Amino acid sequence: MSDASHKKEQLCLWAKSMFDRGLTCGSSGNISVRLDDGGLLVTPTGKSMGFLDPAEISHFSEAGTLLSGLAPTKEMPLHSAFYETRTGTGAVVHLHSTHSVAMSILPDTDPNDALPPLTAYGVMKLGRVKLLPFFMPGDPEMGAAIRGLAGKRNAVLLAHHGPVVAGKDLEAAVFAMEELEESAKLALLTRSLCPTSLSMLQIEALVKRFNIDK
């Protein structure tokens, strides 16, 4: 099986897994995966992540030419910006997951650190999550906002829209996305209880041990 065929199958499997667990619904959300030859696989526009067909996945050459499949998601500028600015990015996942969106619309969410550091794995897999302002879906300015981060963040929240996570491969990106949604859920559940966050010393130790982007 070719690299493209294998990754199309994996993309559809992970997409269905997230859909089946309620992390995305309807035709929302999109995924892209970098191929070994520099090309890109992207989920098609208007398609449910629970019912993707590998034959319909948008397949781009390294030069950006559509080689096969349907028209890609309108969020291509968002995906492209991560590949351009974060060396080693192998996949990007964007969802409209409920708890993450909720965190993105609360007035006291810190734009530079949108999720409180409540767990070690939240820090390890996500680092600091940047909250970006609202953009119209598909607006190229979303890509410009990601480029403005100069590769410093692997996870962001788009206000009133949803989370975006970049990973070294598809599995890593999905796992980080799941950690982001669970971290947002935990933050919301404990919000009124004044939970104890990890201390700066504990966070710095994790950053040093796991080489995490601050």
N, C-alpha and C. Protein backbone atom coordinates (compact mmCIF):
# COMPACT_ATOMS: atom_id res chain seq x y z
N MET A 1 0.84 -1.19 0.00
CA MET A 1 0.00 0.00 0.00
C MET A 1 0.88 1.25 0.00
N SER A 2 0.56 2.22 -0.84
CA SER A 2 1.34 3.45 -0.92
C SER A 2 1.16 4.29 0.34
N ASP A 3 2.08 5.25 0.55
CA ASP A 3 1.98 6.15 1.69
C ASP A 3 0.65 6.90 1.67
N ALA A 4 0.26 7.40 0.49
CA ALA A 4 -0.99 8.17 0.39
C ALA A 4 -2.19 7.29 0.73
N SER A 5 -2.23 6.08 0.20
CA SER A 5 -3.37 5.19 0.46
C SER A 5 -3.47 4.84 1.94
N HIS A 6 -2.32 4.53 2.54
CA HIS A 6 -2.31 4.18 3.96
C HIS A 6 -2.79 5.36 4.82
N LYS A 7 -2.30 6.55 4.52
CA LYS A 7 -2.67 7.71 5.35
C LYS A 7 -4.11 8.15 5.11
N LYS A 8 -4.64 7.91 3.91
CA LYS A 8 -6.06 8.19 3.69
C LYS A 8 -6.92 7.28 4.58
N GLU A 9 -6.54 6.01 4.65
CA GLU A 9 -7.29 5.07 5.49
C GLU A 9 -7.21 5.49 6.95
N GLN A 10 -6.00 5.84 7.41
CA GLN A 10 -5.82 6.25 8.80
C GLN A 10 -6.60 7.54 9.11
N LEU A 11 -6.57 8.48 8.18
CA LEU A 11 -7.30 9.73 8.36
C LEU A 11 -8.79 9.46 8.57
N CYS A 12 -9.35 8.61 7.73
CA CYS A 12 -10.78 8.30 7.84
C CYS A 12 -11.11 7.58 9.15
N LEU A 13 -10.22 6.69 9.60
CA LEU A 13 -10.44 5.97 10.85
C LEU A 13 -10.44 6.90 12.06
N TRP A 14 -9.43 7.79 12.11
CA TRP A 14 -9.34 8.72 13.24
C TRP A 14 -10.49 9.73 13.20
N ALA A 15 -10.86 10.17 12.02
CA ALA A 15 -11.98 11.11 11.90
C ALA A 15 -13.27 10.48 12.41
N LYS A 16 -13.52 9.23 12.03
CA LYS A 16 -14.73 8.54 12.48
C LYS A 16 -14.70 8.33 14.00
N SER A 17 -13.52 8.01 14.52
CA SER A 17 -13.39 7.83 15.96
C SER A 17 -13.80 9.09 16.71
N MET A 18 -13.32 10.24 16.26
CA MET A 18 -13.67 11.50 16.93
C MET A 18 -15.15 11.82 16.75
N PHE A 19 -15.69 11.55 15.56
CA PHE A 19 -17.11 11.79 15.31
C PHE A 19 -17.98 10.91 16.20
N ASP A 20 -17.62 9.62 16.28
CA ASP A 20 -18.43 8.67 17.05
C ASP A 20 -18.44 9.02 18.53
N ARG A 21 -17.40 9.68 19.01
CA ARG A 21 -17.31 10.05 20.43
C ARG A 21 -17.81 11.46 20.71
N GLY A 22 -18.41 12.08 19.70
CA GLY A 22 -19.04 13.37 19.91
C GLY A 22 -18.09 14.55 19.96
N LEU A 23 -16.85 14.36 19.50
CA LEU A 23 -15.91 15.48 19.48
C LEU A 23 -16.16 16.43 18.32
N THR A 24 -16.90 15.96 17.35
CA THR A 24 -17.30 16.82 16.23
C THR A 24 -18.66 16.32 15.73
N CYS A 25 -19.43 17.17 15.09
CA CYS A 25 -20.77 16.76 14.67
C CYS A 25 -21.09 17.34 13.30
N GLY A 26 -22.15 16.83 12.70
CA GLY A 26 -22.56 17.31 11.38
C GLY A 26 -21.41 17.21 10.39
N SER A 27 -21.21 18.28 9.65
CA SER A 27 -20.09 18.32 8.69
C SER A 27 -18.97 19.22 9.19
N SER A 28 -18.92 19.45 10.51
CA SER A 28 -17.91 20.34 11.07
C SER A 28 -16.58 19.62 11.25
N GLY A 29 -15.51 20.41 11.32
CA GLY A 29 -14.18 19.86 11.57
C GLY A 29 -13.46 19.49 10.30
N ASN A 30 -12.14 19.49 10.37
CA ASN A 30 -11.31 19.11 9.23
C ASN A 30 -9.93 18.66 9.69
N ILE A 31 -9.30 17.85 8.86
CA ILE A 31 -7.99 17.26 9.17
C ILE A 31 -7.12 17.34 7.93
N SER A 32 -5.83 17.56 8.14
CA SER A 32 -4.87 17.44 7.05
C SER A 32 -3.68 16.60 7.52
N VAL A 33 -3.05 15.91 6.58
CA VAL A 33 -1.91 15.04 6.89
C VAL A 33 -0.83 15.23 5.82
N ARG A 34 0.40 15.42 6.27
CA ARG A 34 1.53 15.57 5.35
C ARG A 34 1.99 14.20 4.88
N LEU A 35 2.27 14.07 3.58
CA LEU A 35 2.78 12.83 3.01
C LEU A 35 4.31 12.84 2.97
N ASP A 36 4.88 11.65 2.82
CA ASP A 36 6.34 11.54 2.80
C ASP A 36 6.96 12.31 1.64
N ASP A 37 6.23 12.45 0.53
CA ASP A 37 6.76 13.16 -0.64
C ASP A 37 6.51 14.66 -0.59
N GLY A 38 6.00 15.15 0.54
CA GLY A 38 5.72 16.58 0.68
C GLY A 38 4.32 16.98 0.31
N GLY A 39 3.55 16.06 -0.24
CA GLY A 39 2.16 16.34 -0.58
C GLY A 39 1.29 16.43 0.66
N LEU A 40 0.00 16.65 0.45
CA LEU A 40 -0.91 16.87 1.57
C LEU A 40 -2.24 16.18 1.30
N LEU A 41 -2.77 15.53 2.32
CA LEU A 41 -4.13 15.00 2.29
C LEU A 41 -5.01 15.88 3.15
N VAL A 42 -6.20 16.20 2.67
CA VAL A 42 -7.10 17.12 3.39
C VAL A 42 -8.53 16.59 3.30
N THR A 43 -9.26 16.70 4.38
CA THR A 43 -10.67 16.30 4.33
C THR A 43 -11.45 17.24 3.42
N PRO A 44 -12.42 16.70 2.67
CA PRO A 44 -13.18 17.52 1.72
C PRO A 44 -14.15 18.48 2.41
N THR A 45 -14.50 19.53 1.73
CA THR A 45 -15.46 20.49 2.27
C THR A 45 -16.86 19.89 2.34
N GLY A 46 -17.59 20.22 3.39
CA GLY A 46 -18.98 19.82 3.51
C GLY A 46 -19.23 18.36 3.80
N LYS A 47 -18.19 17.61 4.17
CA LYS A 47 -18.33 16.18 4.43
C LYS A 47 -18.26 15.90 5.93
N SER A 48 -19.11 15.00 6.40
CA SER A 48 -19.08 14.59 7.79
C SER A 48 -17.85 13.75 8.07
N MET A 49 -17.18 14.02 9.19
CA MET A 49 -16.00 13.25 9.55
C MET A 49 -16.35 11.83 9.97
N GLY A 50 -17.62 11.56 10.17
CA GLY A 50 -18.03 10.21 10.52
C GLY A 50 -18.24 9.30 9.34
N PHE A 51 -18.25 9.86 8.12
CA PHE A 51 -18.58 9.08 6.94
C PHE A 51 -17.66 9.41 5.77
N LEU A 52 -16.38 9.57 6.04
CA LEU A 52 -15.43 9.91 4.98
C LEU A 52 -15.09 8.68 4.13
N ASP A 53 -14.91 8.92 2.84
CA ASP A 53 -14.50 7.90 1.89
C ASP A 53 -13.06 8.19 1.49
N PRO A 54 -12.13 7.25 1.69
CA PRO A 54 -10.73 7.50 1.32
C PRO A 54 -10.57 8.01 -0.10
N ALA A 55 -11.42 7.55 -1.01
CA ALA A 55 -11.31 7.97 -2.42
C ALA A 55 -11.67 9.43 -2.61
N GLU A 56 -12.38 10.03 -1.66
CA GLU A 56 -12.81 11.43 -1.78
C GLU A 56 -11.87 12.41 -1.08
N ILE A 57 -10.91 11.89 -0.33
CA ILE A 57 -9.96 12.77 0.37
C ILE A 57 -9.18 13.60 -0.64
N SER A 58 -9.07 14.89 -0.40
CA SER A 58 -8.34 15.79 -1.30
C SER A 58 -6.85 15.51 -1.19
N HIS A 59 -6.23 15.22 -2.33
CA HIS A 59 -4.80 14.87 -2.38
C HIS A 59 -4.07 15.94 -3.18
N PHE A 60 -3.19 16.67 -2.49
CA PHE A 60 -2.42 17.74 -3.12
C PHE A 60 -0.96 17.34 -3.30
N SER A 61 -0.36 17.80 -4.39
CA SER A 61 1.07 17.61 -4.58
C SER A 61 1.81 18.59 -3.69
N GLU A 62 3.13 18.43 -3.59
CA GLU A 62 3.93 19.35 -2.79
C GLU A 62 3.81 20.78 -3.31
N ALA A 63 3.58 20.92 -4.61
CA ALA A 63 3.44 22.25 -5.22
C ALA A 63 2.05 22.85 -5.02
N GLY A 64 1.13 22.09 -4.43
CA GLY A 64 -0.20 22.61 -4.17
C GLY A 64 -1.23 22.31 -5.23
N THR A 65 -0.93 21.41 -6.16
CA THR A 65 -1.87 21.01 -7.20
C THR A 65 -2.79 19.90 -6.69
N LEU A 66 -4.09 20.04 -6.90
CA LEU A 66 -5.03 19.00 -6.51
C LEU A 66 -4.89 17.83 -7.47
N LEU A 67 -4.45 16.68 -6.96
CA LEU A 67 -4.20 15.51 -7.79
C LEU A 67 -5.42 14.60 -7.88
N SER A 68 -6.18 14.51 -6.81
CA SER A 68 -7.36 13.64 -6.81
C SER A 68 -8.25 14.01 -5.63
N GLY A 69 -9.46 13.45 -5.64
CA GLY A 69 -10.39 13.70 -4.56
C GLY A 69 -11.26 14.93 -4.79
N LEU A 70 -12.06 15.24 -3.80
CA LEU A 70 -12.98 16.36 -3.88
C LEU A 70 -12.30 17.66 -3.48
N ALA A 71 -13.04 18.76 -3.62
CA ALA A 71 -12.51 20.06 -3.20
C ALA A 71 -12.26 20.04 -1.69
N PRO A 72 -11.17 20.63 -1.23
CA PRO A 72 -10.79 20.55 0.19
C PRO A 72 -11.60 21.50 1.07
N THR A 73 -11.44 21.33 2.36
CA THR A 73 -12.03 22.24 3.33
C THR A 73 -11.67 23.69 3.03
N LYS A 74 -12.58 24.60 3.35
CA LYS A 74 -12.32 26.02 3.16
C LYS A 74 -11.30 26.55 4.16
N GLU A 75 -10.94 25.73 5.16
CA GLU A 75 -9.98 26.15 6.17
C GLU A 75 -8.53 25.85 5.77
N MET A 76 -8.27 25.66 4.49
CA MET A 76 -6.91 25.39 4.01
C MET A 76 -5.89 26.42 4.49
N PRO A 77 -6.20 27.72 4.52
CA PRO A 77 -5.20 28.69 4.99
C PRO A 77 -4.75 28.42 6.42
N LEU A 78 -5.66 27.94 7.24
CA LEU A 78 -5.37 27.62 8.62
C LEU A 78 -4.36 26.47 8.69
N HIS A 79 -4.61 25.43 7.93
CA HIS A 79 -3.72 24.27 7.92
C HIS A 79 -2.35 24.64 7.33
N SER A 80 -2.36 25.31 6.22
CA SER A 80 -1.10 25.67 5.55
C SER A 80 -0.18 26.47 6.46
N ALA A 81 -0.77 27.35 7.26
CA ALA A 81 0.04 28.21 8.12
C ALA A 81 0.81 27.40 9.16
N PHE A 82 0.20 26.35 9.68
CA PHE A 82 0.92 25.52 10.65
C PHE A 82 2.08 24.79 9.97
N TYR A 83 1.87 24.24 8.78
CA TYR A 83 2.95 23.53 8.09
C TYR A 83 4.10 24.48 7.75
N GLU A 84 3.76 25.70 7.43
CA GLU A 84 4.78 26.68 7.04
C GLU A 84 5.60 27.18 8.22
N THR A 85 5.00 27.21 9.41
CA THR A 85 5.67 27.85 10.54
C THR A 85 6.18 26.88 11.61
N ARG A 86 5.68 25.66 11.62
CA ARG A 86 6.15 24.70 12.62
C ARG A 86 6.84 23.53 11.95
N THR A 87 8.15 23.53 11.99
CA THR A 87 8.94 22.46 11.40
C THR A 87 8.58 21.13 12.05
N GLY A 88 8.39 20.12 11.23
CA GLY A 88 8.07 18.80 11.77
C GLY A 88 6.59 18.52 11.91
N THR A 89 5.74 19.48 11.55
CA THR A 89 4.29 19.23 11.61
C THR A 89 3.92 18.18 10.57
N GLY A 90 3.25 17.13 11.02
CA GLY A 90 2.83 16.06 10.12
C GLY A 90 1.34 15.96 9.96
N ALA A 91 0.59 16.66 10.82
CA ALA A 91 -0.87 16.63 10.73
C ALA A 91 -1.45 17.81 11.51
N VAL A 92 -2.62 18.26 11.08
CA VAL A 92 -3.34 19.34 11.74
C VAL A 92 -4.80 18.92 11.88
N VAL A 93 -5.35 19.10 13.08
CA VAL A 93 -6.75 18.75 13.35
C VAL A 93 -7.48 20.00 13.84
N HIS A 94 -8.63 20.26 13.26
CA HIS A 94 -9.48 21.38 13.67
C HIS A 94 -10.89 20.85 13.93
N LEU A 95 -11.41 21.10 15.14
CA LEU A 95 -12.75 20.67 15.49
C LEU A 95 -13.58 21.83 16.01
N HIS A 96 -14.86 21.56 16.24
CA HIS A 96 -15.75 22.52 16.87
C HIS A 96 -16.23 21.94 18.21
N SER A 97 -15.35 21.27 18.92
CA SER A 97 -15.71 20.54 20.13
C SER A 97 -16.25 21.47 21.21
N THR A 98 -17.30 21.03 21.88
CA THR A 98 -18.14 21.87 22.72
C THR A 98 -17.40 22.60 23.83
N HIS A 99 -16.64 21.87 24.65
CA HIS A 99 -16.01 22.50 25.81
C HIS A 99 -14.91 23.48 25.40
N SER A 100 -14.20 23.15 24.35
CA SER A 100 -13.17 24.07 23.86
C SER A 100 -13.79 25.35 23.33
N VAL A 101 -14.89 25.22 22.59
CA VAL A 101 -15.58 26.41 22.10
C VAL A 101 -16.08 27.24 23.27
N ALA A 102 -16.61 26.57 24.29
CA ALA A 102 -17.09 27.29 25.47
C ALA A 102 -15.99 28.12 26.10
N MET A 103 -14.78 27.55 26.22
CA MET A 103 -13.66 28.30 26.79
C MET A 103 -13.31 29.51 25.92
N SER A 104 -13.52 29.39 24.62
CA SER A 104 -13.14 30.46 23.70
C SER A 104 -14.07 31.67 23.76
N ILE A 105 -15.23 31.53 24.41
CA ILE A 105 -16.18 32.64 24.43
C ILE A 105 -16.38 33.23 25.82
N LEU A 106 -15.67 32.69 26.81
CA LEU A 106 -15.80 33.24 28.17
C LEU A 106 -14.98 34.52 28.29
N PRO A 107 -15.52 35.55 28.92
CA PRO A 107 -14.86 36.86 28.93
C PRO A 107 -13.54 36.88 29.70
N ASP A 108 -13.35 35.95 30.64
CA ASP A 108 -12.12 35.98 31.43
C ASP A 108 -11.08 34.97 30.98
N THR A 109 -11.27 34.36 29.82
CA THR A 109 -10.25 33.45 29.28
C THR A 109 -9.02 34.26 28.87
N ASP A 110 -7.86 33.83 29.36
CA ASP A 110 -6.60 34.53 29.07
C ASP A 110 -6.20 34.28 27.62
N PRO A 111 -6.08 35.31 26.78
CA PRO A 111 -5.73 35.11 25.37
C PRO A 111 -4.38 34.43 25.17
N ASN A 112 -3.46 34.62 26.11
CA ASN A 112 -2.13 34.02 25.96
C ASN A 112 -2.00 32.66 26.63
N ASP A 113 -2.98 32.27 27.41
CA ASP A 113 -2.92 31.00 28.13
C ASP A 113 -4.36 30.57 28.40
N ALA A 114 -5.02 30.10 27.34
CA ALA A 114 -6.47 29.93 27.38
C ALA A 114 -6.96 28.82 28.30
N LEU A 115 -6.08 27.85 28.60
CA LEU A 115 -6.47 26.76 29.47
C LEU A 115 -5.61 26.77 30.73
N PRO A 116 -6.22 26.75 31.91
CA PRO A 116 -5.42 26.73 33.14
C PRO A 116 -4.62 25.44 33.23
N PRO A 117 -3.40 25.49 33.77
CA PRO A 117 -2.55 24.30 33.86
C PRO A 117 -2.97 23.40 35.01
N LEU A 118 -4.00 22.60 34.80
CA LEU A 118 -4.56 21.77 35.85
C LEU A 118 -3.93 20.39 35.92
N THR A 119 -3.44 19.87 34.78
CA THR A 119 -2.86 18.53 34.76
C THR A 119 -1.52 18.53 34.04
N ALA A 120 -0.70 17.53 34.38
CA ALA A 120 0.61 17.41 33.74
C ALA A 120 0.46 17.17 32.23
N TYR A 121 -0.48 16.31 31.85
CA TYR A 121 -0.61 15.97 30.44
C TYR A 121 -1.18 17.12 29.62
N GLY A 122 -1.97 17.96 30.25
CA GLY A 122 -2.42 19.16 29.55
C GLY A 122 -1.25 20.04 29.17
N VAL A 123 -0.31 20.19 30.09
CA VAL A 123 0.90 20.98 29.82
C VAL A 123 1.80 20.26 28.82
N MET A 124 1.99 18.96 29.00
CA MET A 124 2.92 18.20 28.17
C MET A 124 2.48 18.12 26.70
N LYS A 125 1.21 17.90 26.47
CA LYS A 125 0.74 17.71 25.11
C LYS A 125 0.38 19.00 24.39
N LEU A 126 0.11 20.07 25.16
CA LEU A 126 -0.41 21.29 24.54
C LEU A 126 0.48 22.51 24.74
N GLY A 127 1.28 22.54 25.80
CA GLY A 127 1.98 23.77 26.11
C GLY A 127 0.95 24.84 26.46
N ARG A 128 1.24 26.08 26.10
CA ARG A 128 0.28 27.16 26.33
C ARG A 128 -0.60 27.31 25.10
N VAL A 129 -1.89 27.37 25.31
CA VAL A 129 -2.86 27.46 24.21
C VAL A 129 -3.22 28.92 23.99
N LYS A 130 -3.02 29.38 22.78
CA LYS A 130 -3.32 30.77 22.41
C LYS A 130 -4.77 30.92 21.98
N LEU A 131 -5.45 31.94 22.51
CA LEU A 131 -6.80 32.27 22.05
C LEU A 131 -6.70 33.35 20.98
N LEU A 132 -7.14 33.02 19.78
CA LEU A 132 -7.15 33.98 18.67
C LEU A 132 -8.54 34.61 18.55
N PRO A 133 -8.63 35.79 17.96
CA PRO A 133 -9.94 36.45 17.82
C PRO A 133 -10.84 35.74 16.83
N PHE A 134 -12.06 36.21 16.73
CA PHE A 134 -13.02 35.64 15.80
C PHE A 134 -12.67 36.00 14.35
N PHE A 135 -12.76 34.99 13.48
CA PHE A 135 -12.63 35.19 12.03
C PHE A 135 -13.80 34.48 11.36
N MET A 136 -14.22 34.99 10.24
CA MET A 136 -15.21 34.27 9.45
C MET A 136 -14.61 32.94 9.01
N PRO A 137 -15.38 31.85 9.01
CA PRO A 137 -14.86 30.57 8.54
C PRO A 137 -14.27 30.70 7.13
N GLY A 138 -13.06 30.18 6.97
CA GLY A 138 -12.39 30.23 5.69
C GLY A 138 -11.62 31.51 5.43
N ASP A 139 -11.68 32.48 6.35
CA ASP A 139 -10.98 33.75 6.16
C ASP A 139 -9.47 33.52 6.13
N PRO A 140 -8.78 33.95 5.07
CA PRO A 140 -7.32 33.79 5.00
C PRO A 140 -6.59 34.45 6.16
N GLU A 141 -7.24 35.41 6.83
CA GLU A 141 -6.60 36.07 7.96
C GLU A 141 -6.36 35.10 9.12
N MET A 142 -7.07 33.99 9.15
CA MET A 142 -6.78 32.98 10.17
C MET A 142 -5.37 32.45 9.98
N GLY A 143 -5.00 32.21 8.73
CA GLY A 143 -3.65 31.76 8.44
C GLY A 143 -2.62 32.81 8.83
N ALA A 144 -2.94 34.06 8.57
CA ALA A 144 -2.02 35.15 8.94
C ALA A 144 -1.84 35.21 10.45
N ALA A 145 -2.92 34.95 11.20
CA ALA A 145 -2.83 34.96 12.67
C ALA A 145 -1.93 33.84 13.16
N ILE A 146 -2.03 32.67 12.54
CA ILE A 146 -1.16 31.55 12.91
C ILE A 146 0.29 31.88 12.58
N ARG A 147 0.52 32.45 11.41
CA ARG A 147 1.90 32.82 11.04
C ARG A 147 2.46 33.86 12.01
N GLY A 148 1.59 34.71 12.53
CA GLY A 148 2.03 35.72 13.48
C GLY A 148 2.55 35.14 14.78
N LEU A 149 2.24 33.88 15.05
CA LEU A 149 2.75 33.21 16.24
C LEU A 149 4.17 32.68 16.04
N ALA A 150 4.65 32.75 14.80
CA ALA A 150 6.03 32.37 14.46
C ALA A 150 6.38 30.95 14.93
N GLY A 151 5.42 30.04 14.84
CA GLY A 151 5.70 28.65 15.18
C GLY A 151 5.79 28.36 16.66
N LYS A 152 5.38 29.31 17.51
CA LYS A 152 5.56 29.15 18.95
C LYS A 152 4.47 28.34 19.64
N ARG A 153 3.34 28.14 19.00
CA ARG A 153 2.24 27.39 19.63
C ARG A 153 1.80 26.24 18.72
N ASN A 154 1.56 25.08 19.32
CA ASN A 154 1.04 23.96 18.53
C ASN A 154 -0.46 23.80 18.69
N ALA A 155 -1.06 24.61 19.58
CA ALA A 155 -2.50 24.53 19.80
C ALA A 155 -3.06 25.92 19.99
N VAL A 156 -4.18 26.20 19.32
CA VAL A 156 -4.85 27.49 19.47
C VAL A 156 -6.36 27.26 19.58
N LEU A 157 -7.03 28.25 20.16
CA LEU A 157 -8.49 28.31 20.15
C LEU A 157 -8.90 29.48 19.27
N LEU A 158 -9.78 29.23 18.32
CA LEU A 158 -10.37 30.30 17.52
C LEU A 158 -11.65 30.74 18.23
N ALA A 159 -11.74 31.99 18.62
CA ALA A 159 -12.89 32.47 19.37
C ALA A 159 -14.20 32.22 18.62
N HIS A 160 -15.20 31.70 19.35
CA HIS A 160 -16.53 31.42 18.77
C HIS A 160 -16.46 30.42 17.62
N HIS A 161 -15.44 29.56 17.61
CA HIS A 161 -15.26 28.66 16.47
C HIS A 161 -14.77 27.28 16.91
N GLY A 162 -13.55 27.21 17.45
CA GLY A 162 -13.06 25.90 17.87
C GLY A 162 -11.56 25.79 17.92
N PRO A 163 -11.06 24.65 18.40
CA PRO A 163 -9.63 24.44 18.57
C PRO A 163 -8.95 23.94 17.30
N VAL A 164 -7.65 24.24 17.20
CA VAL A 164 -6.80 23.74 16.11
C VAL A 164 -5.50 23.25 16.75
N VAL A 165 -5.07 22.04 16.39
CA VAL A 165 -3.87 21.45 16.97
C VAL A 165 -3.00 20.88 15.87
N ALA A 166 -1.69 21.13 15.97
CA ALA A 166 -0.71 20.55 15.05
C ALA A 166 0.11 19.50 15.79
N GLY A 167 0.44 18.40 15.12
CA GLY A 167 1.24 17.35 15.74
C GLY A 167 2.26 16.79 14.77
N LYS A 168 3.18 15.99 15.28
CA LYS A 168 4.23 15.43 14.43
C LYS A 168 3.67 14.40 13.45
N ASP A 169 2.54 13.81 13.81
CA ASP A 169 1.84 12.89 12.91
C ASP A 169 0.36 12.92 13.30
N LEU A 170 -0.45 12.16 12.58
CA LEU A 170 -1.90 12.22 12.80
C LEU A 170 -2.29 11.74 14.20
N GLU A 171 -1.68 10.66 14.64
CA GLU A 171 -2.00 10.15 15.97
C GLU A 171 -1.69 11.18 17.05
N ALA A 172 -0.52 11.81 16.95
CA ALA A 172 -0.13 12.81 17.95
C ALA A 172 -1.09 14.00 17.93
N ALA A 173 -1.49 14.43 16.75
CA ALA A 173 -2.40 15.57 16.64
C ALA A 173 -3.77 15.23 17.23
N VAL A 174 -4.26 14.03 16.97
CA VAL A 174 -5.56 13.61 17.53
C VAL A 174 -5.48 13.52 19.05
N PHE A 175 -4.41 12.90 19.56
CA PHE A 175 -4.27 12.76 21.01
C PHE A 175 -4.20 14.14 21.68
N ALA A 176 -3.47 15.07 21.06
CA ALA A 176 -3.37 16.41 21.63
C ALA A 176 -4.73 17.11 21.58
N MET A 177 -5.47 16.92 20.49
CA MET A 177 -6.81 17.52 20.40
C MET A 177 -7.72 16.97 21.49
N GLU A 178 -7.66 15.67 21.71
CA GLU A 178 -8.48 15.06 22.76
C GLU A 178 -8.08 15.61 24.14
N GLU A 179 -6.78 15.80 24.36
CA GLU A 179 -6.31 16.36 25.63
C GLU A 179 -6.82 17.79 25.79
N LEU A 180 -6.85 18.56 24.70
CA LEU A 180 -7.32 19.93 24.76
C LEU A 180 -8.80 19.97 25.16
N GLU A 181 -9.60 19.13 24.52
CA GLU A 181 -11.03 19.12 24.83
C GLU A 181 -11.28 18.68 26.27
N GLU A 182 -10.55 17.66 26.73
CA GLU A 182 -10.72 17.19 28.11
C GLU A 182 -10.24 18.24 29.11
N SER A 183 -9.17 18.96 28.76
CA SER A 183 -8.67 20.02 29.63
C SER A 183 -9.68 21.15 29.74
N ALA A 184 -10.31 21.48 28.62
CA ALA A 184 -11.34 22.52 28.63
C ALA A 184 -12.54 22.06 29.46
N LYS A 185 -12.92 20.81 29.32
CA LYS A 185 -14.05 20.26 30.10
C LYS A 185 -13.73 20.31 31.59
N LEU A 186 -12.52 19.91 31.96
CA LEU A 186 -12.12 19.92 33.36
C LEU A 186 -12.12 21.34 33.92
N ALA A 187 -11.62 22.28 33.12
CA ALA A 187 -11.59 23.68 33.55
C ALA A 187 -13.01 24.21 33.81
N LEU A 188 -13.94 23.86 32.94
CA LEU A 188 -15.31 24.31 33.10
C LEU A 188 -16.00 23.65 34.30
N LEU A 189 -15.74 22.35 34.49
CA LEU A 189 -16.36 21.63 35.60
C LEU A 189 -15.90 22.14 36.96
N THR A 190 -14.65 22.57 37.02
CA THR A 190 -14.09 22.99 38.32
C THR A 190 -14.04 24.50 38.47
N ARG A 191 -14.52 25.20 37.49
CA ARG A 191 -14.40 26.66 37.43
C ARG A 191 -14.89 27.37 38.70
N SER A 192 -16.05 27.00 39.19
CA SER A 192 -16.62 27.67 40.36
C SER A 192 -16.04 27.17 41.67
N LEU A 193 -15.18 26.16 41.60
CA LEU A 193 -14.63 25.55 42.82
C LEU A 193 -13.23 26.07 43.14
N CYS A 194 -12.73 26.99 42.32
CA CYS A 194 -11.39 27.57 42.53
C CYS A 194 -10.32 26.48 42.62
N PRO A 195 -10.14 25.68 41.54
CA PRO A 195 -9.19 24.58 41.58
C PRO A 195 -7.75 25.07 41.72
N THR A 196 -6.90 24.21 42.25
CA THR A 196 -5.48 24.52 42.37
C THR A 196 -4.78 24.15 41.07
N SER A 197 -4.14 25.13 40.45
CA SER A 197 -3.37 24.88 39.23
C SER A 197 -1.98 24.37 39.59
N LEU A 198 -1.29 23.80 38.62
CA LEU A 198 0.11 23.45 38.82
C LEU A 198 0.89 24.72 39.12
N SER A 199 1.90 24.61 39.96
CA SER A 199 2.72 25.77 40.29
C SER A 199 3.68 26.08 39.14
N MET A 200 4.23 27.28 39.15
CA MET A 200 5.20 27.65 38.13
C MET A 200 6.41 26.73 38.16
N LEU A 201 6.84 26.31 39.34
CA LEU A 201 7.97 25.39 39.44
C LEU A 201 7.63 24.04 38.81
N GLN A 202 6.42 23.57 39.04
CA GLN A 202 6.00 22.30 38.44
C GLN A 202 5.89 22.41 36.93
N ILE A 203 5.37 23.52 36.44
CA ILE A 203 5.25 23.73 35.00
C ILE A 203 6.63 23.82 34.36
N GLU A 204 7.54 24.58 34.98
CA GLU A 204 8.88 24.71 34.43
C GLU A 204 9.60 23.36 34.39
N ALA A 205 9.37 22.53 35.39
CA ALA A 205 9.98 21.20 35.40
C ALA A 205 9.45 20.35 34.24
N LEU A 206 8.14 20.45 33.98
CA LEU A 206 7.56 19.71 32.85
C LEU A 206 8.09 20.24 31.53
N VAL A 207 8.16 21.56 31.40
CA VAL A 207 8.67 22.19 30.17
C VAL A 207 10.10 21.72 29.88
N LYS A 208 10.92 21.70 30.92
CA LYS A 208 12.32 21.28 30.76
C LYS A 208 12.42 19.80 30.44
N ARG A 209 11.66 18.99 31.16
CA ARG A 209 11.73 17.52 30.99
C ARG A 209 11.25 17.08 29.63
N PHE A 210 10.19 17.72 29.12
CA PHE A 210 9.58 17.26 27.88
C PHE A 210 9.77 18.22 26.71
N ASN A 211 10.63 19.23 26.90
CA ASN A 211 10.98 20.15 25.81
C ASN A 211 9.73 20.77 25.18
N ILE A 212 8.91 21.37 26.03
CA ILE A 212 7.61 21.90 25.60
C ILE A 212 7.73 23.35 25.20
N ASP A 213 7.04 23.73 24.14
CA ASP A 213 6.94 25.15 23.76
C ASP A 213 6.16 25.88 24.83
N LYS A 214 6.69 27.02 25.28
CA LYS A 214 6.00 27.81 26.28
C LYS A 214 4.90 28.63 25.62
